[in-house]
Each structure stands twice: as structure tokens, then as C-alpha cells.
């Protein structure tokens, strides 16, 4: 397994959890402290911190140092890698959508003919 495959695996594993996806969605709006990230969740700060560590290991967020607090920010680089990886499969789902569109058009044509 290449390093790129390992990075993708870490990113997908981090994104597999809905809490971590929600944390990323919040960080897409701007930096936030751990306390701010924890606010919408019914879980302890240590539990949120564990989620943040998973996101950090996957390279999806970074924690800075500003005076007394450590704001988290999103790093989109791993998401760009997922986008590149999924792009190689785009033709497959586009062909499927094209076939479905053709089938739906055929059904509409049959309905009009039967009216």
C-alpha cells in the first residue's frame, strides 16, 4: 500500500463518523476553539478532543496557538485528495445517470402513446 493510499484510508476513516463531519462543517465557517466545537454536541470535552485528534491525524484540521487558547482550523488538502480519487470514477456514475435518463424518457414516451 502506498503512502497516498494510507492517507486516503485515514481521511475516509476520519470522515466515517458523523460527529467529525459536523466538526469539519463548523470549521468550514471559520476557526473555533475546542469548547466552541463541543457546544452543539451532547458529549464531554475529552470525547470531542478525541474526535479532534482523529481529524488532526488525518490532516483535516490543525490546532494553532493564540494567547491562551488553541483554535482549530480546517485543512482541505485531504479533501482535495479524495476529490481527485473520486474523479477517476465520475464517468461510471455519469453513464448510469445517462442510462437512467434515457429509460425515463422512454417511459414518458410510452405513457404519451398509451393516452
Protein backbone atom coordinates (compact mmCIF):
# COMPACT_ATOMS: atom_id res chain seq x y z
CA UNK A 1 0.00 0.00 0.00
CA UNK A 2 1.40 3.40 -0.96
CA UNK A 3 1.56 6.43 1.34
CA UNK A 4 -1.20 8.03 -0.76
CA UNK A 5 -3.46 5.01 -0.17
CA UNK A 6 -2.71 5.18 3.55
CA UNK A 7 -3.57 8.91 3.63
CA UNK A 8 -6.84 8.24 1.80
CA UNK A 9 -7.67 5.47 4.26
CA UNK A 10 -7.04 7.79 7.21
CA UNK A 11 -9.16 10.51 5.65
CA UNK A 12 -12.06 8.16 4.89
CA UNK A 13 -11.84 6.67 8.39
CA UNK A 14 -11.98 10.15 9.92
CA UNK A 15 -14.95 11.12 7.74
CA UNK A 16 -16.83 7.92 8.58
CA UNK A 17 -18.08 9.49 11.81
CA UNK A 18 -20.96 11.98 11.72
CA UNK A 19 -19.61 13.99 14.68
CA UNK A 20 -16.30 14.51 12.90
CA UNK A 21 -18.10 15.53 9.71
CA UNK A 22 -20.13 18.05 11.74
CA UNK A 23 -16.93 19.41 13.28
CA UNK A 24 -15.46 19.88 9.80
CA UNK A 25 -18.66 21.59 8.63
CA UNK A 26 -18.37 24.02 11.54
CA UNK A 27 -14.70 24.68 10.81
CA UNK A 28 -15.55 25.38 7.16
CA UNK A 29 -17.20 28.54 8.54
CA UNK A 30 -14.02 29.62 10.35
CA UNK A 31 -11.69 28.72 13.17
CA UNK A 32 -13.08 27.61 16.52
CA UNK A 33 -11.88 26.51 19.93
CA UNK A 34 -12.50 23.02 21.28
CA UNK A 35 -15.16 24.48 23.59
CA UNK A 36 -16.91 26.14 20.64
CA UNK A 37 -16.76 22.90 18.67
CA UNK A 38 -18.21 20.97 21.61
CA UNK A 39 -21.23 23.27 22.11
CA UNK A 40 -23.71 21.58 19.74
CA UNK A 41 -22.88 18.06 20.93
CA UNK A 42 -24.11 16.19 23.97
CA UNK A 43 -20.70 14.80 24.86
CA UNK A 44 -17.79 15.57 27.12
CA UNK A 45 -14.81 17.73 26.20
CA UNK A 46 -12.49 14.68 26.33
CA UNK A 47 -14.76 12.92 23.81
CA UNK A 48 -14.70 15.94 21.48
CA UNK A 49 -10.92 16.13 21.94
CA UNK A 50 -10.62 12.51 20.77
CA UNK A 51 -12.57 13.36 17.61
CA UNK A 52 -10.30 16.36 17.05
CA UNK A 53 -7.19 14.18 17.42
CA UNK A 54 -8.55 11.78 14.77
CA UNK A 55 -9.17 14.71 12.43
CA UNK A 56 -5.67 16.05 13.13
CA UNK A 57 -4.02 12.67 12.43
CA UNK A 58 -5.87 12.56 9.12
CA UNK A 59 -4.58 16.05 8.34
CA UNK A 60 -8.08 17.50 8.14
CA UNK A 61 -7.60 20.09 10.87
CA UNK A 62 -4.77 21.90 12.60
CA UNK A 63 -4.63 23.48 16.02
CA UNK A 64 -2.83 26.78 16.40
CA UNK A 65 -1.70 28.73 19.41
CA UNK A 66 -3.19 32.17 20.09
CA UNK A 67 -2.53 33.51 23.56
CA UNK A 68 -4.37 31.23 26.00
CA UNK A 69 -6.34 29.14 23.51
CA UNK A 70 -5.66 26.81 20.61
CA UNK A 71 -8.07 27.48 17.75
CA UNK A 72 -8.77 24.69 15.28
CA UNK A 73 -8.84 25.33 11.54
CA UNK A 74 -9.78 23.13 8.63
CA UNK A 75 -7.16 21.92 6.15
CA UNK A 76 -8.80 20.98 2.86
CA UNK A 77 -5.77 19.21 1.37
CA UNK A 78 -7.01 15.69 2.29
CA UNK A 79 -10.46 16.57 0.91
CA UNK A 80 -8.83 17.63 -2.36
CA UNK A 81 -7.11 14.22 -2.49
CA UNK A 82 -10.49 12.49 -2.06
CA UNK A 83 -11.89 14.65 -4.85
CA UNK A 84 -9.04 13.63 -7.16
CA UNK A 85 -9.52 9.97 -6.24
CA UNK A 86 -13.28 10.01 -6.85
CA UNK A 87 -12.89 11.92 -10.12
CA UNK A 88 -11.49 8.79 -11.77
CA UNK A 89 -14.91 7.16 -11.27
CA UNK A 90 -17.03 10.07 -12.49
CA UNK A 91 -17.59 8.52 -15.92
CA UNK A 92 -19.20 5.48 -14.28
CA UNK A 93 -21.93 7.40 -12.45
CA UNK A 94 -22.44 9.81 -15.34
CA UNK A 95 -23.05 6.85 -17.68
CA UNK A 96 -25.50 5.42 -15.14
CA UNK A 97 -27.37 8.73 -14.96
CA UNK A 98 -27.43 8.95 -18.75
CA UNK A 99 -28.92 5.43 -18.98
CA UNK A 100 -31.49 6.28 -16.32
CA UNK A 101 -32.42 9.49 -18.16
CA UNK A 102 -32.87 7.54 -21.39
CA UNK A 103 -35.07 4.97 -19.61
CA UNK A 104 -37.24 7.69 -18.02
CA UNK A 105 -37.68 9.36 -21.41
CA UNK A 106 -38.75 6.01 -22.89
CA UNK A 107 -41.33 5.58 -20.11
CA UNK A 108 -42.73 9.07 -20.73
CA UNK A 109 -42.93 8.35 -24.46
CA UNK A 110 -44.84 5.10 -23.76
CA UNK A 111 -47.26 6.93 -21.44
CA UNK A 112 -47.98 9.56 -24.09
CA UNK A 113 -48.53 6.86 -26.72
CA UNK A 114 -50.96 4.99 -24.46
CA UNK A 115 -53.04 8.12 -23.68
